Amino acid sequence: HMGLDFFDASINRIGAYVVGTRAAQQAMLFALLEPREMLLKYEENKQFFERLAMLELLKAKPFGAVWDYYCMKNDVPVAQDYIAEIQQYEREVLSKRS
């Protein structure tokens, strides 16, 4: 289980929740894509150059494309498209509450 808490009274709560939740999901996905076994092998064998090289190579991997595919497969907005969806929700739902 994972607990998330996003509260900033100066911004839209729904927006903060979505940004924070997506960030948590991205962190979990990034961890799943990490070549953990290889990194552990390098660590155990004291192959620190190899470990460092692999960590640097990870930075260049197309994580954004994997995330976008994940979003498409789960029928949620891709990239910054969720911003417009939240703005629409603010106009059509939240603005009528007060």
Protein backbone atom coordinates (compact mmCIF):
# COMPACT_ATOMS: atom_id res chain seq x y z
CA HIS A 1 0.00 0.00 0.00
CA MET A 2 1.08 3.54 -0.63
CA GLY A 3 -0.26 6.62 1.08
CA LEU A 4 -0.27 9.94 -0.74
CA ASP A 5 -1.07 13.34 0.73
CA PHE A 6 -1.31 16.44 -1.43
CA PHE A 7 -2.63 19.60 0.11
CA ASP A 8 -1.86 23.14 -0.88
CA ALA A 9 -4.74 25.52 -0.28
CA SER A 10 -3.42 27.89 -2.93
CA ILE A 11 -3.98 25.47 -5.84
CA ASN A 12 -6.71 23.22 -7.18
CA ARG A 13 -6.89 20.11 -4.99
CA ILE A 14 -7.89 17.87 -7.89
CA GLY A 15 -4.93 19.13 -9.90
CA ALA A 16 -2.53 18.59 -7.00
CA TYR A 17 -3.90 15.08 -6.47
CA VAL A 18 -3.50 14.18 -10.15
CA VAL A 19 0.02 15.61 -10.40
CA GLY A 20 1.12 13.81 -7.24
CA THR A 21 -0.51 10.52 -8.13
CA ARG A 22 0.98 10.53 -11.62
CA ALA A 23 4.40 11.32 -10.13
CA ALA A 24 4.10 8.36 -7.75
CA GLN A 25 3.04 6.08 -10.60
CA GLN A 26 5.94 7.30 -12.72
CA ALA A 27 8.38 6.59 -9.89
CA MET A 28 7.06 3.03 -9.55
CA LEU A 29 7.21 2.45 -13.31
CA PHE A 30 10.75 3.85 -13.48
CA ALA A 31 11.80 1.48 -10.69
CA LEU A 32 10.27 -1.46 -12.55
CA LEU A 33 12.25 -0.57 -15.67
CA GLU A 34 15.57 -0.36 -13.82
CA PRO A 35 17.89 -3.31 -14.55
CA ARG A 36 18.09 -4.16 -10.86
CA GLU A 37 19.70 -7.59 -11.23
CA MET A 38 22.49 -6.23 -13.40
CA LEU A 39 23.13 -3.33 -11.04
CA LEU A 40 23.23 -5.69 -8.05
CA LYS A 41 25.66 -7.98 -9.87
CA TYR A 42 27.98 -5.06 -10.59
CA GLU A 43 27.72 -3.92 -6.97
CA GLU A 44 28.46 -7.39 -5.56
CA ASN A 45 31.44 -7.85 -7.90
CA LYS A 46 32.78 -4.39 -7.06
CA GLN A 47 32.41 -3.38 -10.70
CA PHE A 48 31.72 0.23 -9.84
CA PHE A 49 32.64 1.65 -13.24
CA GLU A 50 30.15 -0.71 -14.89
CA ARG A 51 27.47 0.19 -12.38
CA LEU A 52 28.08 3.90 -12.91
CA ALA A 53 28.00 3.47 -16.70
CA MET A 54 24.68 1.61 -16.50
CA LEU A 55 23.16 4.26 -14.24
CA GLU A 56 24.22 6.96 -16.70
CA LEU A 57 22.80 4.99 -19.64
CA LEU A 58 19.47 4.75 -17.82
CA LYS A 59 19.17 8.53 -17.95
CA ALA A 60 19.06 8.42 -21.74
CA LYS A 61 16.38 5.73 -21.98
CA PRO A 62 13.04 6.89 -23.41
CA PHE A 63 11.05 6.72 -20.19
CA GLY A 64 8.57 9.28 -21.54
CA ALA A 65 7.57 6.99 -24.39
CA VAL A 66 6.97 4.10 -21.97
CA TRP A 67 4.90 6.36 -19.70
CA ASP A 68 2.84 7.66 -22.63
CA TYR A 69 2.17 4.09 -23.76
CA TYR A 70 1.11 3.14 -20.21
CA CYS A 71 -1.30 6.10 -20.16
CA MET A 72 -2.75 5.20 -23.57
CA LYS A 73 -3.25 1.56 -22.55
CA ASN A 74 -5.06 2.71 -19.40
CA ASP A 75 -7.21 5.24 -21.26
CA VAL A 76 -5.93 8.28 -19.37
CA PRO A 77 -4.61 11.54 -20.84
CA VAL A 78 -1.09 11.39 -22.25
CA ALA A 79 1.65 13.92 -21.43
CA GLN A 80 0.23 17.34 -20.52
CA ASP A 81 -3.24 16.54 -21.91
CA TYR A 82 -4.50 15.97 -18.37
CA ILE A 83 -4.13 19.70 -17.67
CA ALA A 84 -6.95 20.56 -20.08
CA GLU A 85 -9.10 17.79 -18.59
CA ILE A 86 -8.67 19.22 -15.09
CA GLN A 87 -9.38 22.74 -16.32
CA GLN A 88 -12.58 21.48 -17.94
CA TYR A 89 -13.56 19.71 -14.71
CA GLU A 90 -12.95 22.96 -12.80
CA ARG A 91 -15.25 24.87 -15.17
CA GLU A 92 -18.00 22.27 -15.43
CA VAL A 93 -18.07 20.79 -11.92
CA LEU A 94 -16.03 22.59 -9.28
CA SER A 95 -17.15 26.11 -10.20
CA LYS A 96 -20.79 25.12 -9.56
CA ARG A 97 -20.09 23.98 -6.00
CA SER A 98 -19.46 27.39 -4.47
